[in-house]
Amino acid sequence: MPGVMPQMPDFTKMNGMAEFAKLASSMPGFGAAMQGLPTLPKIPTAAIPPERLHELQSNYSRDAAELLKQAGAQSIDPSSLKDRRFVDTAWQSTPAYAFTAAWYLLNARYLQELADAVQSDPKTRERIRFTVQQWAAAAAPSNFLAFNPDAQKTLIESKGESLRQGMLNLLNDMQRGKILQSDESRFFVGKNIATTEGSVVYENELVQLIQYKPLAPKVYARPLLIVPPCINKFYILDLSPEGSLVRYALEEGHQVFILSWRNADQSIAHKTWDDYVQEGVLETIGVVQEITGEDKINTLGFCIGGTILATALAVAAARGEDPAASMTLLTSMLDFSDTGVLDVFVDEAHVQMREQAIGGKNGAPAGLMRGIEFANTFSYLRPNDLVWNYVVDNYLKGRTPQAFDLLFWNSDSTNLPGPMCVWYLRNTYLENKLKTPNALTVCGEPVDLSRLTVPTFIYGSREDHIVPWKSAYASAPVLTGPQTFVLGASGHIAGVINPPSKNKRSFWMIDSNDERLPADPDTWFEAAAEHPGSWWPTWSKWLAGNAGEQVKAGAAQGSKTHPVIEAAPGRYVLERDF
C-alpha cells in the first residue's frame, strides 16, 4: 500500500515461474558478500506445479482479504506479528504500524512458499530460496526509519542525536567495508582474549607455532597439535579462560601446540594449497616431534583446518610416514557432496572468475581472497541476525553494539592467497575430488584419505549452516581407522565452544565400542543417545586413550633447535584485515 510500505507485487497475478524468476533475479546484490554470485536467470526447466501455485494463490488471496478486513476495523490480530523484529509495543499498539508489519510478513511468507514450491535441480532451488531470503530480510519495514516506530521514538527522544550518530556509524562502516557487530574497543588480543600463557617456538611465512605452558603437574607424553581454520584467527579456541578449549586441554594434562595462521598480504599472495599443507602442517608436525621427543602426536583440525590436516596426513602416508597417533575433526568436511547453503556461491563460472582474478593463472599476478569477503558472506547466511539487526541498531537508532568476544573474533578475519583459495574452491566445493583416492596430487604425492588408519574423533553441530552435520559425518566412510562420532547441539561455533563449566546444551553419541560407524547418518542418529551438557569431557577421555603415559610436566618451552621467539599469542594474530 503506497504511503505505508514499499509497493509489493501483486502475487495473485503471478501466473508462472518465469515471472517469479524475473522478480528474484531483479533484486540487487548485498555488497561484497554477494560478489561473484551469478545473477539468477530465467530457468525454463524450473516450474511450480500448477495445482500448488493455484493453492498458494488461493491461500494468499484469503489471508490478504482477512488482513485488509482487520485493517479496516483497525484491529490487527497480534498473533500475526509473532516476529522478534516487531515485538515492540509501538508496532502493535498503532494500527498503521501493525498493518505494515503484518502485510510484510504475509508477503514474505508467500514468497518463501513460492520458492519452496519450485521444482528444479537442487542448486537452482537453493539459489532461488537464498535470493528470496535475502530480499525478504532486506525489505522488512523495520529496516526503514519511515516505517519503524521504535527508531522514530528514539529520534524524537534524542532530539536528532540518534540520527546523527547513526550516519557517523554508517560512514565508518562504509570505510571498513562491513557492519560493526561488537564494540571492538573493549577487546585486546593477548590482554583480555587469547591470554593462555605460552610461547611462539617456530615460524615461517605462513604460520607461527605456539607451545602453551602446562597447567597440570603431570602431562601426557604425546602432545596435541591444533590446526585452526585459516580464514579466521586461532583464538576462537582461546577466547576467554572459562571458554577456552586450549586451556581445558591443558588442565586435562595435555601438552598443547596450536598454529597461528598469518593474515596473508601481497608478499605471500603466491602461496598454494601445497604450501599450506607442507609449510603449515607437515613442517610444524616435525617441530612438535623435535621439541617433545615424541614420534607420534595427537592432532586436531577445526573446519577447513581439519581438511588441511587430513590432506597433510595423507601426504605423509604416501611418503611412508605415520606421525599421528589420533585425529580429531571438528565441523570439518572431507566429502563435499553436500556443502549446505554455501553451495549457492560456487559454480564453474564463479570459480573460473576467481581463478582469473586472484589465482595467478596465465602469468597474471596472484591476488588475495579478502577476509572481509568471507566475513560478509557468512553474515548474509543469517541476514536478520548478523546484518539487518545491526542496520537498525547502529544506523537507525545510532547505538554502539555491545561488547561480545565471539562477534569481535568473527570480524577479525584473515586474507587467503588467491592460488590456495581457488584450488580449494575447485577441488573440494566444485568438483569434490578430495574424497576420491588418488584423484588429487598434493606436495607431489597422490592423496588417498583411506590410508589414514588412525583413531578419529569426528564432531558435527546439529544446527550448523556452514558444515551440515551429515557432511561432517560423511568423513567417516572416507577414512578407515577406528571412529567415534559426536553430534553437538547448536551451530558451527557455539556448538564447538561449549565448556563443561557452563553446563549448557547437549550432545548425542552411540554408547558402544564399535570402531566403525553406520554408513547412514540417520541410522546413527536413531541409535544415538542424548546426553546433557558439554561434549568436551567425552573428547578428553577419548584423547587420553591415545596420549600415552603421563610424565612430569617440563618447565621449559621450545628446544635448543627451536628456541622461544616471542610470547604468545605472537605477532601474526595481531595483523588485522583493515
Protein backbone atom coordinates (compact mmCIF):
# COMPACT_ATOMS: atom_id res chain seq x y z
CA MET A 1 0.00 0.00 0.00
CA PRO A 2 1.58 3.31 -1.10
CA GLY A 3 2.46 5.51 1.82
CA VAL A 4 2.56 2.59 4.23
CA MET A 5 5.43 0.46 2.93
CA PRO A 6 7.29 -0.15 -0.36
CA GLN A 7 4.94 -1.35 -3.09
CA MET A 8 4.68 -5.14 -3.06
CA PRO A 9 3.99 -7.17 -6.22
CA ASP A 10 0.50 -8.47 -6.79
CA PHE A 11 1.31 -12.11 -6.19
CA THR A 12 -2.21 -13.22 -7.02
CA LYS A 13 -1.45 -12.34 -10.67
CA MET A 14 1.87 -14.12 -10.81
CA ASN A 15 0.93 -16.92 -13.17
CA GLY A 16 4.18 -18.79 -13.67
CA MET A 17 7.77 -19.46 -12.80
CA ALA A 18 9.06 -17.03 -15.42
CA GLU A 19 7.54 -14.05 -13.62
CA PHE A 20 8.76 -15.31 -10.27
CA ALA A 21 12.30 -15.86 -11.59
CA LYS A 22 12.23 -12.38 -13.11
CA LEU A 23 11.35 -10.91 -9.72
CA ALA A 24 14.07 -12.87 -7.94
CA SER A 25 16.76 -12.07 -10.50
CA SER A 26 15.94 -8.36 -10.37
CA MET A 27 16.85 -7.99 -6.72
CA PRO A 28 20.13 -6.11 -6.08
CA GLY A 29 23.19 -7.74 -4.57
CA PHE A 30 24.25 -7.18 -0.99
CA GLY A 31 27.80 -5.78 -1.03
CA ALA A 32 30.94 -7.86 -1.05
CA ALA A 33 29.12 -10.93 0.27
CA MET A 34 27.17 -11.20 -2.98
CA GLN A 35 30.22 -10.64 -5.21
CA GLY A 36 30.58 -13.49 -7.63
CA LEU A 37 27.08 -14.92 -7.03
CA PRO A 38 25.70 -15.44 -10.53
CA THR A 39 22.58 -13.47 -11.34
CA LEU A 40 19.58 -15.74 -11.16
CA PRO A 41 18.50 -16.26 -14.80
CA LYS A 42 15.20 -17.33 -16.23
CA ILE A 43 15.28 -21.09 -15.93
CA PRO A 44 12.93 -22.84 -18.34
CA THR A 45 13.30 -26.17 -16.55
CA ALA A 46 12.20 -24.70 -13.21
CA ALA A 47 8.49 -24.56 -12.51
CA ILE A 48 5.88 -24.54 -9.79
CA PRO A 49 3.26 -27.25 -10.31
CA PRO A 50 0.01 -25.54 -11.41
CA GLU A 51 -2.05 -27.13 -8.66
CA ARG A 52 0.41 -25.98 -5.98
CA LEU A 53 0.59 -22.49 -7.47
CA HIS A 54 -3.21 -22.26 -7.50
CA GLU A 55 -3.32 -23.41 -3.87
CA LEU A 56 -0.77 -20.80 -2.81
CA GLN A 57 -2.59 -18.05 -4.73
CA SER A 58 -5.89 -19.01 -3.11
CA ASN A 59 -4.35 -19.05 0.34
CA TYR A 60 -2.72 -15.69 -0.26
CA SER A 61 -5.94 -14.10 -1.51
CA ARG A 62 -7.80 -15.40 1.54
CA ASP A 63 -5.15 -14.21 4.03
CA ALA A 64 -4.75 -10.84 2.32
CA ALA A 65 -8.51 -10.26 2.37
CA GLU A 66 -8.66 -11.13 6.07
CA LEU A 67 -5.79 -8.80 6.84
CA LEU A 68 -7.41 -5.94 4.90
CA LYS A 69 -10.62 -6.58 6.82
CA GLN A 70 -8.73 -6.33 10.12
CA ALA A 71 -7.03 -3.15 8.91
CA GLY A 72 -10.39 -1.60 8.07
CA ALA A 73 -11.54 -2.35 11.59
CA GLN A 74 -8.20 -1.13 12.99
CA SER A 75 -7.83 -4.42 14.84
CA ILE A 76 -4.82 -6.37 13.59
CA ASP A 77 -4.59 -9.83 15.15
CA PRO A 78 -1.49 -9.76 17.43
CA SER A 79 -0.77 -13.40 16.56
CA SER A 80 0.10 -12.28 13.02
CA LEU A 81 3.04 -10.27 14.41
CA LYS A 82 4.94 -13.12 16.04
CA ASP A 83 8.34 -11.98 14.84
CA ARG A 84 11.02 -10.55 17.11
CA ARG A 85 11.54 -7.60 14.76
CA PHE A 86 8.05 -6.39 15.67
CA VAL A 87 7.81 -7.19 19.38
CA ASP A 88 7.98 -3.56 20.49
CA THR A 89 4.58 -2.33 21.67
CA ALA A 90 4.74 0.56 19.19
CA TRP A 91 4.32 -1.93 16.33
CA GLN A 92 1.22 -3.49 17.85
CA SER A 93 -0.45 -0.52 19.53
CA THR A 94 -0.66 1.67 16.40
CA PRO A 95 -2.92 0.21 13.67
CA ALA A 96 -0.90 1.67 10.78
CA TYR A 97 2.37 0.15 12.01
CA ALA A 98 0.67 -3.13 12.90
CA PHE A 99 -0.73 -3.38 9.38
CA THR A 100 2.65 -2.52 7.86
CA ALA A 101 4.34 -5.34 9.75
CA ALA A 102 1.55 -7.85 9.15
CA TRP A 103 1.38 -7.03 5.43
CA TYR A 104 5.14 -7.51 5.12
CA LEU A 105 5.09 -10.84 6.98
CA LEU A 106 2.26 -12.12 4.82
CA ASN A 107 4.09 -11.31 1.58
CA ALA A 108 7.44 -12.57 2.85
CA ARG A 109 5.83 -15.87 3.84
CA TYR A 110 4.14 -16.19 0.47
CA LEU A 111 7.38 -15.52 -1.38
CA GLN A 112 9.15 -18.19 0.67
CA GLU A 113 6.35 -20.68 0.00
CA LEU A 114 6.66 -19.96 -3.72
CA ALA A 115 10.40 -20.59 -3.53
CA ASP A 116 9.86 -23.82 -1.61
CA ALA A 117 7.38 -25.00 -4.22
CA VAL A 118 9.79 -24.66 -7.14
CA GLN A 119 10.64 -27.93 -8.82
CA SER A 120 14.13 -27.87 -10.30
CA ASP A 121 17.64 -29.15 -9.70
CA PRO A 122 18.88 -28.73 -6.10
CA LYS A 123 21.32 -25.88 -6.83
CA THR A 124 18.71 -23.83 -8.69
CA ARG A 125 16.18 -24.34 -5.91
CA GLU A 126 18.68 -23.28 -3.25
CA ARG A 127 19.65 -20.18 -5.22
CA ILE A 128 16.03 -19.15 -5.60
CA ARG A 129 15.38 -19.74 -1.90
CA PHE A 130 18.55 -17.86 -0.94
CA THR A 131 17.64 -14.88 -3.16
CA VAL A 132 14.15 -14.74 -1.71
CA GLN A 133 15.54 -14.96 1.82
CA GLN A 134 17.88 -12.03 1.17
CA TRP A 135 15.17 -9.93 -0.46
CA ALA A 136 12.65 -10.60 2.29
CA ALA A 137 15.16 -9.80 5.03
CA ALA A 138 16.17 -6.53 3.32
CA ALA A 139 12.59 -5.42 2.66
CA ALA A 140 11.38 -5.61 6.28
CA PRO A 141 9.73 -2.31 7.31
CA SER A 142 11.80 -2.38 10.50
CA ASN A 143 14.85 -1.58 8.34
CA PHE A 144 13.48 1.82 7.29
CA LEU A 145 13.24 4.87 9.51
CA ALA A 146 9.97 5.92 7.85
CA PHE A 147 8.28 2.69 8.94
CA ASN A 148 10.00 1.87 12.24
CA PRO A 149 8.14 3.42 15.19
CA ASP A 150 10.79 2.39 17.71
CA ALA A 151 13.52 4.16 15.72
CA GLN A 152 11.29 7.22 15.32
CA LYS A 153 10.72 7.30 19.07
CA THR A 154 14.48 7.16 19.66
CA LEU A 155 14.97 10.00 17.16
CA ILE A 156 12.49 12.25 18.96
CA GLU A 157 13.72 11.44 22.46
CA SER A 158 17.36 12.05 21.48
CA LYS A 159 16.42 15.30 19.67
CA GLY A 160 18.02 14.07 16.48
CA GLU A 161 21.24 12.78 18.09
CA SER A 162 20.43 9.15 17.20
CA LEU A 163 20.22 10.04 13.50
CA ARG A 164 23.49 11.99 13.61
CA GLN A 165 25.30 9.17 15.37
CA GLY A 166 23.70 6.63 13.06
CA MET A 167 25.03 8.44 10.00
CA LEU A 168 28.50 8.51 11.54
CA ASN A 169 28.24 4.78 12.20
CA LEU A 170 27.19 4.22 8.60
CA LEU A 171 30.11 6.24 7.23
CA ASN A 172 32.58 4.40 9.46
CA ASP A 173 31.22 1.04 8.34
CA MET A 174 31.41 2.07 4.69
CA GLN A 175 35.10 2.78 5.21
CA ARG A 176 35.55 -0.57 6.96
CA GLY A 177 33.60 -2.44 4.31
CA LYS A 178 31.42 -4.25 6.86
CA ILE A 179 28.92 -3.67 9.62
CA LEU A 180 30.27 -3.32 13.14
CA GLN A 181 28.79 -6.16 15.21
CA SER A 182 30.64 -5.69 18.50
CA ASP A 183 32.25 -2.86 20.44
CA GLU A 184 35.78 -3.64 19.31
CA SER A 185 37.32 -1.02 21.59
CA ARG A 186 36.77 -3.37 24.52
CA PHE A 187 38.95 -6.24 23.28
CA PHE A 188 42.70 -6.59 23.07
CA VAL A 189 44.20 -9.81 21.75
CA GLY A 190 46.72 -11.10 24.25
CA LYS A 191 45.33 -8.95 27.07
CA ASN A 192 41.71 -9.92 27.68
CA ILE A 193 41.29 -12.59 24.99
CA ALA A 194 43.82 -15.19 23.82
CA THR A 195 45.52 -14.95 27.22
CA THR A 196 46.58 -18.55 27.87
CA GLU A 197 50.30 -18.44 28.67
CA GLY A 198 52.66 -19.81 26.06
CA SER A 199 55.43 -19.04 23.59
CA VAL A 200 55.98 -18.92 19.84
CA VAL A 201 58.59 -21.60 19.20
CA TYR A 202 58.63 -21.66 15.40
CA GLU A 203 57.56 -19.51 12.49
CA ASN A 204 57.71 -19.40 8.72
CA GLU A 205 55.98 -17.29 6.07
CA LEU A 206 52.59 -18.90 6.73
CA VAL A 207 52.36 -19.79 10.41
CA GLN A 208 53.60 -19.28 13.91
CA LEU A 209 53.61 -22.34 16.18
CA ILE A 210 52.61 -21.67 19.80
CA GLN A 211 53.53 -24.01 22.62
CA TYR A 212 51.48 -23.48 25.78
CA LYS A 213 52.72 -23.68 29.34
CA PRO A 214 51.44 -26.84 31.09
CA LEU A 215 48.67 -26.35 33.65
CA ALA A 216 48.91 -29.78 35.29
CA PRO A 217 51.80 -31.27 37.31
CA LYS A 218 51.79 -34.33 35.06
CA VAL A 219 51.16 -34.34 31.32
CA TYR A 220 50.53 -36.99 28.72
CA ALA A 221 53.65 -37.86 26.78
CA ARG A 222 52.09 -37.40 23.36
CA PRO A 223 51.40 -33.74 22.58
CA LEU A 224 48.33 -32.29 20.86
CA LEU A 225 48.75 -30.13 17.75
CA ILE A 226 45.70 -27.99 16.88
CA VAL A 227 45.14 -26.77 13.30
CA PRO A 228 42.52 -23.98 13.44
CA PRO A 229 40.71 -22.60 10.38
CA CYS A 230 42.94 -20.36 8.26
CA ILE A 231 40.08 -17.99 7.36
CA ASN A 232 39.84 -16.84 10.99
CA LYS A 233 42.22 -16.24 13.87
CA PHE A 234 43.15 -19.18 16.09
CA TYR A 235 41.89 -17.60 19.30
CA ILE A 236 38.33 -18.82 18.77
CA LEU A 237 39.75 -21.79 20.71
CA ASP A 238 41.12 -19.46 23.41
CA LEU A 239 38.62 -16.59 23.66
CA SER A 240 38.45 -16.43 27.44
CA PRO A 241 39.75 -18.63 30.27
CA GLU A 242 36.31 -20.06 31.04
CA GLY A 243 35.53 -20.78 27.37
CA SER A 244 38.95 -21.87 26.12
CA LEU A 245 39.31 -25.33 24.61
CA VAL A 246 43.08 -24.78 24.74
CA ARG A 247 43.02 -24.12 28.46
CA TYR A 248 40.67 -27.03 29.08
CA ALA A 249 43.02 -29.44 27.29
CA LEU A 250 45.96 -28.09 29.31
CA GLU A 251 44.07 -28.57 32.57
CA GLU A 252 43.28 -32.12 31.48
CA GLY A 253 47.02 -32.80 31.28
CA HIS A 254 47.71 -32.45 27.56
CA GLN A 255 50.71 -30.71 26.05
CA VAL A 256 49.11 -28.27 23.60
CA PHE A 257 50.53 -26.66 20.46
CA ILE A 258 48.47 -24.53 18.08
CA LEU A 259 49.04 -22.92 14.68
CA SER A 260 48.53 -19.19 14.23
CA TRP A 261 47.95 -18.62 10.51
CA ARG A 262 49.34 -15.45 9.01
CA ASN A 263 46.93 -12.87 7.65
CA ALA A 264 48.07 -13.03 4.02
CA ASP A 265 49.35 -9.92 2.32
CA GLN A 266 50.74 -9.41 -1.18
CA SER A 267 54.15 -10.78 -0.16
CA ILE A 268 52.68 -14.28 0.18
CA ALA A 269 49.84 -13.95 -2.34
CA HIS A 270 51.53 -16.66 -4.44
CA LYS A 271 51.18 -19.37 -1.79
CA THR A 272 49.28 -22.51 -2.77
CA TRP A 273 47.30 -25.30 -1.10
CA ASP A 274 50.51 -27.36 -1.23
CA ASP A 275 52.28 -24.65 0.76
CA TYR A 276 49.57 -24.65 3.42
CA VAL A 277 49.89 -28.42 3.71
CA GLN A 278 53.69 -28.54 3.71
CA GLU A 279 54.70 -25.34 5.48
CA GLY A 280 51.57 -25.00 7.59
CA VAL A 281 51.13 -28.55 8.89
CA LEU A 282 53.84 -31.02 7.92
CA GLU A 283 56.73 -28.77 8.95
CA THR A 284 55.10 -27.91 12.27
CA ILE A 285 54.41 -31.58 12.98
CA GLY A 286 58.15 -32.10 12.68
CA VAL A 287 58.83 -29.22 15.06
CA VAL A 288 56.41 -30.61 17.66
CA GLN A 289 58.07 -34.03 17.37
CA GLU A 290 61.50 -32.50 17.87
CA ILE A 291 60.54 -30.34 20.86
CA THR A 292 58.70 -33.13 22.70
CA GLY A 293 60.84 -36.05 21.58
CA GLU A 294 57.72 -37.98 20.57
CA ASP A 295 57.43 -39.76 17.21
CA LYS A 296 53.63 -39.84 17.44
CA ILE A 297 51.46 -36.82 18.21
CA ASN A 298 47.72 -36.24 18.53
CA THR A 299 46.20 -33.87 16.01
CA LEU A 300 43.04 -31.73 15.84
CA GLY A 301 41.61 -29.77 12.92
CA PHE A 302 38.72 -27.30 13.09
CA CYS A 303 36.62 -26.53 9.97
CA ILE A 304 38.95 -26.02 6.96
CA GLY A 305 41.80 -26.71 9.38
CA GLY A 306 40.52 -30.29 9.52
CA THR A 307 40.52 -30.51 5.73
CA ILE A 308 44.12 -29.26 5.59
CA LEU A 309 45.17 -31.57 8.42
CA ALA A 310 43.68 -34.71 6.83
CA THR A 311 45.28 -33.81 3.50
CA ALA A 312 48.66 -33.35 5.20
CA LEU A 313 48.43 -36.70 6.98
CA ALA A 314 47.51 -38.36 3.66
CA VAL A 315 50.58 -36.79 2.07
CA ALA A 316 52.69 -38.11 4.96
CA ALA A 317 51.17 -41.58 4.48
CA ALA A 318 52.05 -41.51 0.78
CA ARG A 319 55.64 -40.77 1.84
CA GLY A 320 55.65 -43.77 4.17
CA GLU A 321 55.37 -41.58 7.28
CA ASP A 322 52.89 -42.07 10.14
CA PRO A 323 53.25 -39.14 12.57
CA ALA A 324 49.74 -39.07 14.06
CA ALA A 325 48.51 -41.15 16.97
CA SER A 326 44.97 -39.78 16.52
CA MET A 327 43.00 -37.21 14.58
CA THR A 328 40.11 -35.04 15.76
CA LEU A 329 37.93 -33.33 13.14
CA LEU A 330 35.65 -30.55 14.42
CA THR A 331 32.93 -29.44 11.95
CA SER A 332 35.20 -30.39 9.04
CA MET A 333 34.44 -31.76 5.59
CA LEU A 334 36.37 -34.36 3.62
CA ASP A 335 33.41 -35.28 1.41
CA PHE A 336 31.90 -32.13 -0.14
CA SER A 337 28.81 -33.76 -1.63
CA ASP A 338 26.55 -31.53 0.50
CA THR A 339 28.04 -28.15 1.34
CA GLY A 340 24.82 -26.62 2.61
CA VAL A 341 23.82 -23.08 1.75
CA LEU A 342 27.37 -22.16 0.70
CA ASP A 343 26.75 -24.19 -2.45
CA VAL A 344 24.79 -21.26 -3.90
CA PHE A 345 28.05 -19.30 -4.26
CA VAL A 346 30.04 -21.93 -6.13
CA ASP A 347 29.73 -22.96 -9.78
CA GLU A 348 32.08 -23.27 -12.73
CA ALA A 349 31.64 -19.65 -13.80
CA HIS A 350 32.32 -18.35 -10.30
CA VAL A 351 35.42 -20.49 -9.82
CA GLN A 352 36.79 -19.52 -13.23
CA MET A 353 36.24 -15.86 -12.40
CA ARG A 354 38.16 -16.26 -9.14
CA GLU A 355 40.94 -18.19 -10.88
CA GLN A 356 41.38 -15.38 -13.41
CA ALA A 357 41.10 -12.59 -10.84
CA ILE A 358 43.28 -13.88 -7.98
CA GLY A 359 44.53 -17.34 -8.93
CA GLY A 360 47.66 -16.28 -10.80
CA LYS A 361 46.54 -18.02 -14.00
CA ASN A 362 48.22 -17.48 -17.38
CA GLY A 363 51.07 -15.46 -15.94
CA ALA A 364 48.82 -12.94 -14.20
CA PRO A 365 49.93 -11.82 -10.72
CA ALA A 366 48.30 -13.70 -7.87
CA GLY A 367 45.87 -11.80 -5.67
CA LEU A 368 44.21 -12.19 -2.32
CA MET A 369 40.85 -13.51 -1.23
CA ARG A 370 39.95 -10.82 1.25
CA GLY A 371 38.94 -11.93 4.69
CA ILE A 372 36.27 -9.27 4.77
CA GLU A 373 34.53 -11.08 1.90
CA PHE A 374 34.40 -14.26 3.95
CA ALA A 375 33.05 -12.37 6.96
CA ASN A 376 30.33 -10.64 4.96
CA THR A 377 29.35 -13.85 3.20
CA PHE A 378 28.94 -15.72 6.47
CA SER A 379 26.92 -12.82 7.90
CA TYR A 380 24.47 -12.94 4.99
CA LEU A 381 23.85 -16.62 5.65
CA ARG A 382 21.91 -15.33 8.69
CA PRO A 383 20.82 -11.89 7.42
CA ASN A 384 18.31 -10.98 10.12
CA ASP A 385 20.66 -11.85 13.00
CA LEU A 386 24.00 -10.68 11.60
CA VAL A 387 23.13 -7.87 9.15
CA TRP A 388 19.77 -6.12 9.43
CA ASN A 389 19.63 -6.31 13.21
CA TYR A 390 22.76 -4.12 13.25
CA VAL A 391 21.47 -1.85 10.48
CA VAL A 392 18.52 -0.99 12.73
CA ASP A 393 20.52 -0.58 15.95
CA ASN A 394 23.67 1.04 14.53
CA TYR A 395 22.18 3.32 11.86
CA LEU A 396 18.51 3.95 12.64
CA LYS A 397 18.97 4.17 16.41
CA GLY A 398 22.59 5.38 16.49
CA ARG A 399 23.73 2.82 19.03
CA THR A 400 27.11 1.21 19.57
CA PRO A 401 26.97 -2.61 19.61
CA GLN A 402 27.54 -4.39 22.88
CA ALA A 403 30.95 -5.89 23.55
CA PHE A 404 30.79 -9.56 22.55
CA ASP A 405 34.03 -11.50 22.22
CA LEU A 406 32.65 -14.05 19.75
CA LEU A 407 31.49 -11.34 17.33
CA PHE A 408 34.79 -9.49 17.79
CA TRP A 409 36.56 -12.68 16.69
CA ASN A 410 34.08 -13.12 13.85
CA SER A 411 35.07 -9.75 12.41
CA ASP A 412 38.80 -10.43 12.82
CA SER A 413 39.05 -12.47 9.63
CA THR A 414 42.16 -13.24 7.57
CA ASN A 415 43.04 -12.95 3.91
CA LEU A 416 43.98 -16.02 1.91
CA PRO A 417 46.42 -16.27 -1.01
CA GLY A 418 44.50 -16.47 -4.28
CA PRO A 419 46.10 -19.68 -5.65
CA MET A 420 45.44 -21.52 -2.39
CA CYS A 421 41.83 -20.33 -2.25
CA VAL A 422 40.90 -21.17 -5.85
CA TRP A 423 42.48 -24.65 -5.56
CA TYR A 424 40.30 -25.25 -2.53
CA LEU A 425 37.16 -23.97 -4.27
CA ARG A 426 37.66 -26.06 -7.40
CA ASN A 427 38.86 -29.33 -5.93
CA THR A 428 36.54 -29.52 -2.93
CA TYR A 429 33.38 -27.41 -3.22
CA LEU A 430 33.06 -27.62 -7.01
CA GLU A 431 34.50 -30.99 -8.05
CA ASN A 432 34.65 -32.86 -4.72
CA LYS A 433 37.86 -34.68 -5.61
CA LEU A 434 39.42 -34.92 -2.16
CA LYS A 435 37.33 -37.94 -1.14
CA THR A 436 38.34 -39.92 -4.25
CA PRO A 437 41.57 -41.91 -3.80
CA ASN A 438 44.44 -40.57 -5.94
CA ALA A 439 42.25 -38.02 -7.74
CA LEU A 440 44.48 -35.19 -6.46
CA THR A 441 48.19 -34.68 -6.14
CA VAL A 442 49.39 -32.52 -3.25
CA CYS A 443 53.04 -31.78 -2.48
CA GLY A 444 53.96 -34.21 -5.25
CA GLU A 445 52.06 -37.11 -3.66
CA PRO A 446 48.76 -38.77 -4.61
CA VAL A 447 46.16 -38.12 -1.91
CA ASP A 448 44.30 -41.16 -0.61
CA LEU A 449 42.45 -40.44 2.63
CA SER A 450 41.62 -44.12 3.04
CA ARG A 451 45.26 -44.62 4.03
CA LEU A 452 44.53 -42.77 7.27
CA THR A 453 44.01 -45.60 9.76
CA VAL A 454 44.45 -43.59 12.97
CA PRO A 455 41.66 -43.42 15.56
CA THR A 456 39.48 -40.46 14.58
CA PHE A 457 37.05 -38.40 16.66
CA ILE A 458 34.55 -36.66 14.38
CA TYR A 459 32.35 -33.86 15.70
CA GLY A 460 29.41 -32.18 13.98
CA SER A 461 26.97 -29.49 15.16
CA ARG A 462 23.29 -30.23 14.66
CA GLU A 463 22.31 -26.70 13.57
CA ASP A 464 25.48 -25.94 11.61
CA HIS A 465 24.66 -23.99 8.42
CA ILE A 466 28.30 -23.89 7.23
CA VAL A 467 29.21 -27.57 7.65
CA PRO A 468 25.92 -29.54 7.85
CA TRP A 469 26.28 -32.27 10.44
CA LYS A 470 25.64 -35.01 7.91
CA SER A 471 28.51 -33.62 5.83
CA ALA A 472 30.76 -33.82 8.88
CA TYR A 473 29.55 -37.39 9.37
CA ALA A 474 30.37 -38.15 5.71
CA SER A 475 34.08 -38.01 6.62
CA ALA A 476 33.72 -41.41 8.29
CA PRO A 477 33.36 -43.60 5.16
CA VAL A 478 36.38 -41.86 3.61
CA LEU A 479 38.65 -42.91 6.49
CA THR A 480 39.50 -46.47 7.56
CA GLY A 481 40.58 -46.31 11.21
CA PRO A 482 38.50 -46.63 14.40
CA GLN A 483 35.92 -43.86 14.57
CA THR A 484 33.86 -42.01 17.14
CA PHE A 485 31.18 -39.52 16.12
CA VAL A 486 29.63 -36.95 18.44
CA LEU A 487 26.82 -34.60 17.46
CA GLY A 488 26.56 -31.41 19.47
CA ALA A 489 23.64 -29.05 19.81
CA SER A 490 23.70 -25.53 18.34
CA GLY A 491 25.74 -24.21 15.40
CA HIS A 492 29.15 -24.07 13.78
CA ILE A 493 30.86 -22.11 16.56
CA ALA A 494 28.55 -22.23 19.60
CA GLY A 495 28.33 -26.00 19.35
CA VAL A 496 32.11 -26.36 19.43
CA ILE A 497 32.81 -23.75 22.08
CA ASN A 498 30.74 -25.35 24.83
CA PRO A 499 32.82 -25.65 28.02
CA PRO A 500 31.67 -28.02 30.78
CA SER A 501 31.66 -25.19 33.33
CA LYS A 502 28.68 -23.59 31.57
CA ASN A 503 26.64 -26.83 31.70
CA LYS A 504 24.77 -25.80 28.56
CA ARG A 505 23.23 -27.62 25.60
CA SER A 506 23.62 -31.34 24.97
CA PHE A 507 25.20 -33.86 22.61
CA TRP A 508 24.41 -37.20 21.02
CA MET A 509 26.60 -40.28 20.71
CA ILE A 510 26.34 -44.06 20.50
CA ASP A 511 27.36 -45.68 23.75
CA SER A 512 29.16 -48.68 22.29
CA ASN A 513 32.66 -49.89 21.49
CA ASP A 514 32.07 -50.29 17.76
CA GLU A 515 35.04 -48.99 15.78
CA ARG A 516 33.09 -48.32 12.57
CA LEU A 517 30.14 -46.01 12.16
CA PRO A 518 26.95 -46.91 10.28
CA ALA A 519 27.04 -45.76 6.67
CA ASP A 520 23.80 -43.81 7.03
CA PRO A 521 23.83 -40.81 9.43
CA ASP A 522 20.11 -41.18 10.12
CA THR A 523 20.72 -44.77 11.22
CA TRP A 524 23.42 -43.48 13.56
CA PHE A 525 21.12 -40.79 14.98
CA GLU A 526 18.34 -43.29 15.68
CA ALA A 527 20.78 -45.36 17.74
CA ALA A 528 22.41 -42.39 19.49
CA ALA A 529 21.53 -41.27 23.00
CA GLU A 530 21.28 -37.63 24.07
CA HIS A 531 23.50 -36.50 26.95
CA PRO A 532 23.14 -33.16 28.76
CA GLY A 533 25.99 -30.67 28.89
CA SER A 534 29.29 -30.38 27.05
CA TRP A 535 30.88 -32.96 24.77
CA TRP A 536 34.39 -31.84 25.84
CA PRO A 537 34.81 -34.42 28.66
CA THR A 538 33.87 -37.21 26.24
CA TRP A 539 36.51 -36.00 23.80
CA SER A 540 39.12 -35.55 26.55
CA LYS A 541 38.59 -39.12 27.75
CA TRP A 542 38.93 -40.40 24.17
CA LEU A 543 42.05 -38.29 23.61
CA ALA A 544 43.66 -39.56 26.82
CA GLY A 545 43.34 -43.09 25.47
CA ASN A 546 45.64 -42.11 22.60
CA ALA A 547 48.03 -39.84 24.52
CA GLY A 548 50.43 -42.35 26.09
CA GLU A 549 51.66 -42.40 29.65
CA GLN A 550 51.73 -39.43 32.00
CA VAL A 551 55.07 -37.82 32.80
CA LYS A 552 56.22 -34.87 34.87
CA ALA A 553 55.48 -31.57 33.17
CA GLY A 554 58.52 -29.71 31.92
CA ALA A 555 59.10 -26.07 32.79
CA ALA A 556 60.92 -25.04 29.60
CA GLN A 557 59.32 -24.28 26.26
CA GLY A 558 60.87 -24.78 22.87
CA SER A 559 64.21 -26.52 22.46
CA LYS A 560 67.80 -25.80 21.52
CA THR A 561 66.90 -26.22 17.87
CA HIS A 562 63.68 -24.26 18.20
CA PRO A 563 64.13 -21.61 20.91
CA VAL A 564 61.36 -19.29 22.06
CA ILE A 565 60.81 -16.46 19.58
CA GLU A 566 58.26 -14.38 21.49
CA ALA A 567 55.41 -14.70 23.96
CA ALA A 568 52.01 -15.97 22.85
CA PRO A 569 49.81 -15.02 21.11
CA GLY A 570 52.56 -13.80 18.76
CA ARG A 571 52.73 -11.21 16.01
CA TYR A 572 50.75 -12.95 13.27
CA VAL A 573 47.46 -12.92 15.13
CA LEU A 574 47.67 -9.14 15.64
CA GLU A 575 47.65 -8.40 11.90
CA ARG A 576 44.12 -7.26 11.01
CA ASP A 577 42.38 -7.19 7.64
CA PHE A 578 41.54 -3.47 7.78
